[in-house]
Protein backbone atom coordinates (compact mmCIF):
# COMPACT_ATOMS: atom_id res chain seq x y z
CA MET A 1 34.82 -0.83 -64.09
CA ALA A 2 38.17 -1.61 -62.48
CA PHE A 3 41.48 -2.26 -64.21
CA PHE A 4 44.59 -4.02 -62.97
CA ILE A 5 47.46 -1.54 -62.63
CA GLY A 6 49.82 -4.30 -61.48
CA ARG A 7 49.77 -7.74 -59.91
CA ASP A 8 46.68 -8.10 -57.66
CA ARG A 9 46.13 -4.35 -57.58
CA GLU A 10 42.96 -2.93 -59.09
CA ALA A 11 42.20 0.72 -59.79
CA ARG A 12 38.91 2.26 -60.88
CA ARG A 13 38.80 4.60 -63.87
CA ALA A 14 37.61 8.08 -62.92
CA TYR A 15 36.54 10.99 -65.14
CA GLY A 16 36.90 14.75 -65.18
CA PHE A 17 34.92 17.49 -66.95
CA ASP A 18 37.08 17.52 -70.10
CA GLU A 19 36.37 13.83 -70.74
CA ILE A 20 32.57 13.95 -70.98
CA ALA A 21 29.83 15.75 -72.91
CA LEU A 22 26.08 16.18 -72.49
CA VAL A 23 23.66 14.90 -75.13
CA PRO A 24 20.89 17.27 -76.33
CA GLY A 25 17.39 16.16 -75.37
CA ASP A 26 14.49 14.93 -77.48
CA VAL A 27 12.48 17.88 -76.18
CA THR A 28 13.79 21.41 -75.63
CA VAL A 29 12.61 24.02 -73.13
CA ASN A 30 12.56 27.81 -73.21
CA PRO A 31 15.65 28.80 -71.12
CA ASP A 32 13.68 31.68 -69.60
CA GLU A 33 11.22 29.21 -68.09
CA VAL A 34 13.62 26.84 -66.27
CA ASP A 35 13.93 26.73 -62.48
CA THR A 36 17.54 27.04 -61.26
CA SER A 37 16.81 27.38 -57.53
CA LEU A 38 18.71 25.63 -54.75
CA LEU A 39 17.37 24.88 -51.27
CA LEU A 40 19.78 24.71 -48.32
CA GLY A 41 17.74 23.98 -45.24
CA ASP A 42 15.12 26.73 -45.23
CA ILE A 43 17.25 29.05 -47.37
CA LYS A 44 16.18 29.20 -51.01
CA LEU A 45 18.63 30.60 -53.55
CA GLU A 46 17.44 31.76 -56.95
CA ILE A 47 20.58 30.41 -58.60
CA PRO A 48 22.65 27.37 -57.50
CA PHE A 49 25.90 29.32 -57.19
CA LEU A 50 28.04 29.64 -54.07
CA ALA A 51 31.22 31.73 -53.99
CA SER A 52 34.15 29.93 -52.36
CA ALA A 53 35.17 30.83 -48.82
CA MET A 54 38.52 32.27 -49.88
CA ASP A 55 39.78 35.64 -48.72
CA GLY A 56 40.60 36.83 -52.24
CA VAL A 57 37.04 36.06 -53.33
CA VAL A 58 34.56 36.71 -50.51
CA ASP A 59 34.41 39.44 -47.90
CA ALA A 60 31.33 41.06 -46.40
CA GLN A 61 30.92 43.47 -49.33
CA PHE A 62 31.16 40.69 -51.90
CA ALA A 63 28.77 38.47 -49.93
CA MET A 64 26.19 41.24 -49.95
CA ALA A 65 26.55 41.74 -53.71
CA MET A 66 26.32 37.99 -54.33
CA GLY A 67 23.21 37.70 -52.19
CA LYS A 68 21.44 40.53 -53.98
CA LEU A 69 22.04 38.70 -57.29
CA GLY A 70 20.47 35.46 -56.02
CA GLY A 71 23.54 33.45 -55.01
CA LEU A 72 25.45 32.91 -51.79
CA GLY A 73 28.90 34.17 -50.83
CA VAL A 74 30.57 32.09 -48.10
CA LEU A 75 32.81 34.04 -45.70
CA ASN A 76 35.92 32.35 -44.29
CA LEU A 77 35.93 32.72 -40.49
CA ASP A 78 39.53 31.49 -40.27
CA GLY A 79 40.90 34.18 -42.55
CA ILE A 80 41.71 37.83 -42.99
CA ASN A 81 38.17 39.09 -42.40
CA THR A 82 38.10 37.95 -38.77
CA ARG A 83 41.73 38.80 -37.97
CA TYR A 84 41.89 42.39 -39.16
CA ASP A 85 39.55 45.37 -38.80
CA LYS A 86 40.30 46.53 -42.36
CA PRO A 87 40.62 43.28 -44.32
CA ARG A 88 40.74 44.81 -47.81
CA GLU A 89 43.97 46.61 -46.96
CA VAL A 90 45.58 43.34 -45.85
CA VAL A 91 44.30 41.44 -48.89
CA ALA A 92 45.78 44.18 -51.08
CA GLN A 93 49.21 43.49 -49.53
CA ILE A 94 48.96 39.85 -50.56
CA ALA A 95 47.80 40.77 -54.06
CA GLY A 96 50.74 43.16 -54.43
CA ALA A 97 53.42 40.69 -53.35
CA GLY A 98 55.79 39.03 -55.82
CA PRO A 99 55.38 35.35 -56.70
CA GLU A 100 58.37 34.30 -54.60
CA GLU A 101 57.18 36.00 -51.41
CA SER A 102 53.40 35.53 -51.65
CA THR A 103 53.14 32.24 -49.72
CA ARG A 104 55.51 33.47 -46.99
CA LEU A 105 53.54 36.70 -46.66
CA VAL A 106 50.22 34.81 -46.47
CA GLN A 107 51.61 32.57 -43.73
CA GLU A 108 52.86 35.61 -41.80
CA LEU A 109 49.61 37.59 -42.05
CA TYR A 110 47.50 34.62 -40.95
CA ARG A 111 49.50 34.21 -37.73
CA LYS A 112 47.51 36.98 -36.10
CA PRO A 113 44.75 35.37 -33.99
CA VAL A 114 41.08 35.50 -34.94
CA LYS A 115 39.07 38.13 -33.08
CA GLU A 116 35.81 36.48 -32.06
CA GLU A 117 34.05 39.85 -31.92
CA LEU A 118 34.75 40.27 -35.64
CA ILE A 119 32.86 37.04 -36.41
CA ALA A 120 29.63 38.53 -35.12
CA ALA A 121 30.43 41.91 -36.69
CA ARG A 122 30.90 40.42 -40.17
CA VAL A 123 27.70 38.38 -39.92
CA ARG A 124 25.68 41.40 -38.83
CA GLU A 125 27.26 43.47 -41.61
CA ILE A 126 26.06 40.98 -44.24
CA LYS A 127 22.61 40.62 -42.68
CA LYS A 128 22.08 44.39 -42.79
CA ALA A 129 21.87 44.04 -46.57
CA LYS A 130 18.88 41.68 -46.10
CA VAL A 131 20.60 38.75 -47.85
CA PRO A 132 21.39 35.23 -46.58
CA CYS A 133 24.66 34.94 -44.68
CA ALA A 134 26.91 31.87 -44.90
CA VAL A 135 30.22 31.36 -43.10
CA SER A 136 32.87 28.64 -43.14
CA THR A 137 35.42 27.29 -40.69
CA ILE A 138 37.59 24.24 -40.14
CA PRO A 139 36.29 21.44 -37.88
CA GLN A 140 38.68 22.43 -35.06
CA ASN A 141 36.95 25.82 -34.70
CA ALA A 142 33.36 24.88 -35.53
CA ALA A 143 32.17 24.25 -31.97
CA LYS A 144 33.54 27.63 -30.86
CA TYR A 145 32.51 29.77 -33.84
CA GLY A 146 29.14 28.15 -34.58
CA PRO A 147 27.18 29.59 -31.63
CA ILE A 148 28.74 33.05 -32.18
CA ALA A 149 27.69 33.10 -35.83
CA GLU A 150 24.24 31.75 -35.05
CA GLU A 151 23.55 34.34 -32.37
CA ALA A 152 24.60 37.10 -34.80
CA GLY A 153 22.00 35.90 -37.32
CA CYS A 154 23.95 33.62 -39.66
CA ASP A 155 21.81 31.47 -41.98
CA VAL A 156 24.16 28.69 -43.16
CA PHE A 157 27.23 27.28 -41.39
CA VAL A 158 29.87 25.44 -43.43
CA VAL A 159 32.37 23.07 -41.82
CA GLN A 160 35.13 22.63 -44.35
CA SER A 161 38.48 20.88 -44.52
CA THR A 162 40.65 19.28 -47.21
CA VAL A 163 39.14 15.86 -46.43
CA THR A 164 36.08 15.51 -44.17
CA THR A 165 34.70 12.30 -42.69
CA ALA A 166 32.05 11.49 -40.10
CA ARG A 167 34.58 9.32 -38.26
CA HIS A 168 37.90 10.96 -37.40
CA ARG A 169 40.32 9.09 -35.12
CA ALA A 170 42.75 10.91 -32.85
CA THR A 171 44.35 10.35 -29.45
CA LYS A 172 45.96 13.76 -28.86
CA TYR A 173 42.71 15.75 -29.08
CA VAL A 174 38.96 15.20 -29.03
CA PRO A 175 37.71 14.68 -32.61
CA PHE A 176 34.98 16.95 -33.93
CA ASP A 177 31.55 15.30 -33.67
CA ILE A 178 29.59 16.41 -36.75
CA ALA A 179 26.37 14.67 -35.65
CA LYS A 180 26.39 16.37 -32.24
CA PHE A 181 27.20 19.70 -33.89
CA CYS A 182 24.31 19.45 -36.36
CA LYS A 183 21.87 18.72 -33.52
CA LYS A 184 23.14 21.66 -31.48
CA LEU A 185 22.86 24.33 -34.17
CA LYS A 186 19.47 25.53 -35.38
CA MET A 187 20.78 26.69 -38.76
CA PRO A 188 21.63 24.27 -41.59
CA VAL A 189 25.14 22.82 -41.58
CA VAL A 190 26.99 22.15 -44.84
CA ALA A 191 30.02 19.86 -44.60
CA GLY A 192 32.93 19.11 -46.89
CA ASN A 193 34.95 18.19 -48.61
CA CYS A 194 34.18 14.65 -49.70
CA VAL A 195 34.58 12.54 -52.87
CA THR A 196 33.29 9.06 -52.04
CA TYR A 197 29.91 7.35 -51.76
CA SER A 198 30.49 5.84 -48.32
CA VAL A 199 31.70 9.03 -46.65
CA ALA A 200 28.94 11.09 -48.29
CA LEU A 201 26.33 8.69 -46.94
CA GLU A 202 27.75 8.75 -43.41
CA LEU A 203 27.88 12.55 -43.36
CA MET A 204 24.27 12.73 -44.49
CA GLU A 205 23.24 10.25 -41.82
CA ALA A 206 25.01 12.51 -39.29
CA GLY A 207 22.49 15.25 -40.05
CA ILE A 208 24.14 17.68 -42.46
CA SER A 209 21.96 19.84 -44.74
CA GLY A 210 24.41 20.06 -47.64
CA LEU A 211 27.61 18.40 -48.86
CA LEU A 212 30.61 19.92 -50.65
CA VAL A 213 32.18 17.58 -53.21
CA GLY A 214 35.78 17.86 -54.34
CA VAL A 215 39.33 17.27 -53.11
CA GLY A 216 42.04 19.23 -54.87
CA PRO A 217 40.38 20.42 -58.12
CA GLY A 218 40.45 24.16 -57.38
CA ALA A 219 42.66 26.41 -59.49
CA ALA A 220 44.57 27.64 -56.43
CA CYS A 221 44.75 24.24 -54.72
CA THR A 222 47.93 22.12 -54.72
CA THR A 223 46.61 19.20 -52.64
CA ARG A 224 46.81 16.78 -55.56
CA GLY A 225 50.49 17.62 -56.04
CA VAL A 226 51.46 17.88 -52.37
CA LEU A 227 49.51 14.89 -51.05
CA GLY A 228 48.58 12.93 -54.18
CA LEU A 229 44.92 12.97 -53.09
CA GLY A 230 41.86 13.55 -55.22
CA VAL A 231 39.14 12.09 -57.43
CA PRO A 232 38.21 13.85 -60.71
CA GLN A 233 35.03 15.85 -60.26
CA VAL A 234 32.74 13.97 -62.64
CA THR A 235 33.22 10.65 -60.86
CA ALA A 236 33.23 12.27 -57.41
CA THR A 237 29.95 14.09 -58.13
CA VAL A 238 28.22 11.00 -59.56
CA ASP A 239 29.26 8.88 -56.57
CA CYS A 240 28.13 11.43 -53.98
CA ALA A 241 24.86 12.03 -55.85
CA SER A 242 24.20 8.30 -55.68
CA ALA A 243 24.68 8.44 -51.90
CA ARG A 244 22.27 11.40 -51.70
CA ASP A 245 19.59 9.54 -53.64
CA PHE A 246 19.99 6.40 -51.53
CA HIS A 247 19.81 8.46 -48.34
CA PHE A 248 16.65 10.18 -49.59
CA LYS A 249 14.97 6.85 -50.39
CA ARG A 250 15.85 5.49 -46.98
CA SER A 251 15.19 8.54 -44.79
CA GLY A 252 12.97 10.89 -46.79
CA LYS A 253 15.51 13.71 -46.24
CA TYR A 254 17.02 15.24 -49.37
CA VAL A 255 20.56 16.54 -48.80
CA PRO A 256 21.78 18.68 -51.72
CA ILE A 257 25.32 18.16 -52.93
CA ILE A 258 27.45 21.03 -54.18
CA THR A 259 30.35 20.39 -56.53
CA ASP A 260 33.24 22.49 -55.24
CA GLY A 261 36.13 23.45 -57.52
CA GLY A 262 37.48 22.56 -60.94
CA MET A 263 34.89 24.49 -62.95
CA SER A 264 36.30 27.32 -65.05
CA THR A 265 33.50 27.75 -67.60
CA GLY A 266 29.74 27.59 -67.92
CA GLY A 267 30.13 24.26 -69.66
CA ASP A 268 31.88 22.73 -66.63
CA ILE A 269 29.10 23.97 -64.37
CA CYS A 270 26.44 22.44 -66.65
CA LYS A 271 28.30 19.13 -66.59
CA ALA A 272 28.51 19.19 -62.78
CA ILE A 273 24.73 19.63 -62.52
CA ALA A 274 24.13 16.89 -65.09
CA CYS A 275 26.35 14.54 -63.07
CA GLY A 276 24.00 14.94 -60.12
CA SER A 277 25.02 18.12 -58.35
CA ASP A 278 22.37 20.46 -56.95
CA GLY A 279 24.67 23.47 -57.00
CA VAL A 280 28.25 24.58 -57.49
CA MET A 281 30.85 26.37 -55.41
CA VAL A 282 33.15 28.47 -57.58
CA GLY A 283 36.26 30.48 -56.78
CA SER A 284 38.25 31.62 -59.80
CA ALA A 285 35.27 32.89 -61.80
CA PHE A 286 34.25 35.17 -58.94
CA ALA A 287 37.82 36.19 -58.14
CA ARG A 288 37.77 37.88 -61.55
CA THR A 289 34.97 40.25 -60.58
CA LYS A 290 35.38 43.91 -59.76
CA GLU A 291 33.62 43.29 -56.46
CA ALA A 292 36.11 40.63 -55.26
CA PRO A 293 38.64 41.89 -52.68
CA GLY A 294 41.63 40.07 -54.22
CA LEU A 295 42.25 42.53 -57.07
CA GLY A 296 42.47 39.68 -59.58
CA TYR A 297 44.30 37.26 -57.25
CA HIS A 298 43.08 34.49 -55.00
CA TRP A 299 44.50 31.71 -52.86
CA GLY A 300 43.17 28.56 -51.25
CA MET A 301 42.11 28.14 -47.63
CA ALA A 302 45.04 25.76 -47.00
CA THR A 303 47.65 28.18 -48.42
CA PRO A 304 48.34 29.80 -45.02
CA HIS A 305 49.29 26.47 -43.38
CA SER A 306 52.45 27.17 -41.42
CA ASN A 307 54.09 23.82 -42.10
CA LEU A 308 52.55 22.25 -45.23
CA PRO A 309 50.69 24.72 -47.46
CA ARG A 310 48.38 23.00 -49.95
CA GLY A 311 47.51 26.01 -52.05
CA THR A 312 49.12 28.88 -53.89
CA ARG A 313 48.25 32.42 -54.88
CA ILE A 314 47.20 32.62 -58.52
CA HIS A 315 46.50 35.55 -60.83
CA VAL A 316 43.20 35.43 -62.74
CA GLY A 317 42.80 39.12 -63.54
CA VAL A 318 39.71 41.27 -63.34
CA THR A 319 37.45 40.72 -66.34
CA GLY A 320 34.06 42.17 -65.39
CA SER A 321 31.47 42.89 -62.75
CA LEU A 322 29.81 40.19 -60.67
CA GLU A 323 26.59 40.76 -62.57
CA GLU A 324 28.40 40.22 -65.89
CA ILE A 325 30.02 37.01 -64.64
CA LEU A 326 26.67 35.69 -63.48
CA TYR A 327 24.15 37.14 -65.93
CA GLY A 328 26.11 38.80 -68.72
CA PRO A 329 26.29 40.39 -71.15
CA SER A 330 29.40 38.32 -71.78
CA ARG A 331 32.32 40.31 -73.12
CA LEU A 332 34.61 37.30 -73.46
CA ASP A 333 34.36 34.26 -75.75
CA ASP A 334 35.81 31.65 -73.37
CA GLY A 335 32.70 30.70 -71.37
CA SER A 336 33.82 32.44 -68.18
CA GLN A 337 30.98 34.99 -68.14
CA ASN A 338 27.16 34.79 -68.04
CA LEU A 339 27.35 31.53 -66.13
CA VAL A 340 23.65 31.57 -65.25
CA GLY A 341 22.77 32.14 -68.88
CA ALA A 342 24.93 29.18 -69.87
CA LEU A 343 23.20 26.94 -67.32
CA ARG A 344 19.73 28.07 -68.41
CA THR A 345 20.54 27.55 -72.09
CA CYS A 346 22.00 24.11 -71.46
CA MET A 347 18.98 23.10 -69.36
CA GLY A 348 16.72 24.18 -72.21
CA SER A 349 18.80 22.25 -74.74
CA VAL A 350 18.64 18.98 -72.82
CA GLY A 351 14.94 19.45 -72.07
CA ALA A 352 15.27 20.05 -68.32
CA SER A 353 12.85 22.41 -66.59
CA THR A 354 14.43 21.91 -63.16
CA ILE A 355 17.81 21.06 -61.66
CA ARG A 356 16.48 17.61 -60.74
CA GLU A 357 15.53 16.99 -64.35
CA MET A 358 18.95 18.23 -65.46
CA GLN A 359 20.51 15.51 -63.30
CA THR A 360 19.02 12.83 -65.59
CA THR A 361 20.71 14.19 -68.72
CA GLU A 362 22.40 11.62 -70.95
CA ILE A 363 26.19 11.79 -70.59
CA ILE A 364 28.77 10.39 -72.99
CA ILE A 365 32.51 9.81 -72.62
CA ALA A 366 34.00 12.22 -75.15
CA PRO A 367 37.68 13.12 -74.63
CA SER A 368 37.72 14.92 -77.99
CA ILE A 369 34.80 17.21 -77.10
CA LYS A 370 37.02 20.27 -76.53
CA THR A 371 39.34 19.73 -79.50
CA GLU A 372 37.18 18.31 -82.31
CA GLY A 373 37.02 20.83 -85.14
CA LYS A 374 38.69 23.56 -83.07
CA ILE A 375 42.07 23.69 -84.80
CA PHE A 376 41.76 27.37 -85.76
CA GLN A 377 40.76 28.33 -82.22
CA ARG A 378 43.75 26.41 -80.85
CA THR A 379 46.28 27.84 -83.25
CA GLN A 380 44.94 31.37 -82.76
CA ARG A 381 44.49 30.87 -78.98
CA ILE A 382 40.95 32.21 -78.95
CA GLY A 383 37.62 30.84 -77.66
CA MET A 384 38.07 27.18 -76.65
CA GLY A 385 41.70 27.25 -77.77
CA LYS A 386 42.94 29.42 -74.91
């Protein structure tokens, strides 16, 4: 439904996670018997969780740990891991910098060119652990890095930018052709980021095997402040899911969508799935793990931009191991741990045995869902009142 925001100018109302709630089902299911798997091309993940391709979150060691626990860590090919032989030492410098100098230091450290031999080395390092390997790069580098990663044994290639479309116009350089790229590579290509029905549909028609949904919702991202761009994740996910379903009816090819960013608790993740997502890409929750290289800090992929950074370094602390964040036992009361357990329990409560069934959950607009009856938690700053 559109509203007039001024003379002859309409604007559509959009919704975020804090404005909706999920309605319990008429039938409930044993949480231990639900199927949470996600299929990306031929790669099947036991849990629908991807770790964001940010240098403070994923390196080769973290990707191996994530893979062994059933998820997928995505390695940033444009970052520290492919510029330096000992990336953890460089990441530690960024984590140890003061707030005033952190962005300048990030920009300086990312000036060193990418070493193409390190791309293959990182992929092989991850594959030695016998887990799926996923890497990410910006469109400008995809044609160059894709074949290198594929030859080294990579399983999933992600082409990611702040805003991705199937049709990019430029006169000063040759635009990246996503359709041609998908045909050339043998491994599945995931593209992002996108927030609209029309762009999602065009990207799927171009041959992608997965779509990242979200512009600016990440905790470390400042795109919405710097550029004014973005669509709240509930509306963005619903719209892109609608494009996926239409594409499936028309072509017979199911392209999973992955909500990327803006989810800080298990409840947010459950809402993303209910809105139509097949999986989630999360940064902050995994930046808090002992296995993450950022020592409790992380920063967005656009933070190093030399002229217009659209991200910042944030402190999230280290609260537990990766296994605790994913599977518990939860030692915190704020919903930031045992994320898989939260998803399984929610699926059982709404009567969903599979992710596809979860996507049909009844949703209500409920802006008071996080505050109703929680006055003591708010005043004491505990639980949902933090």
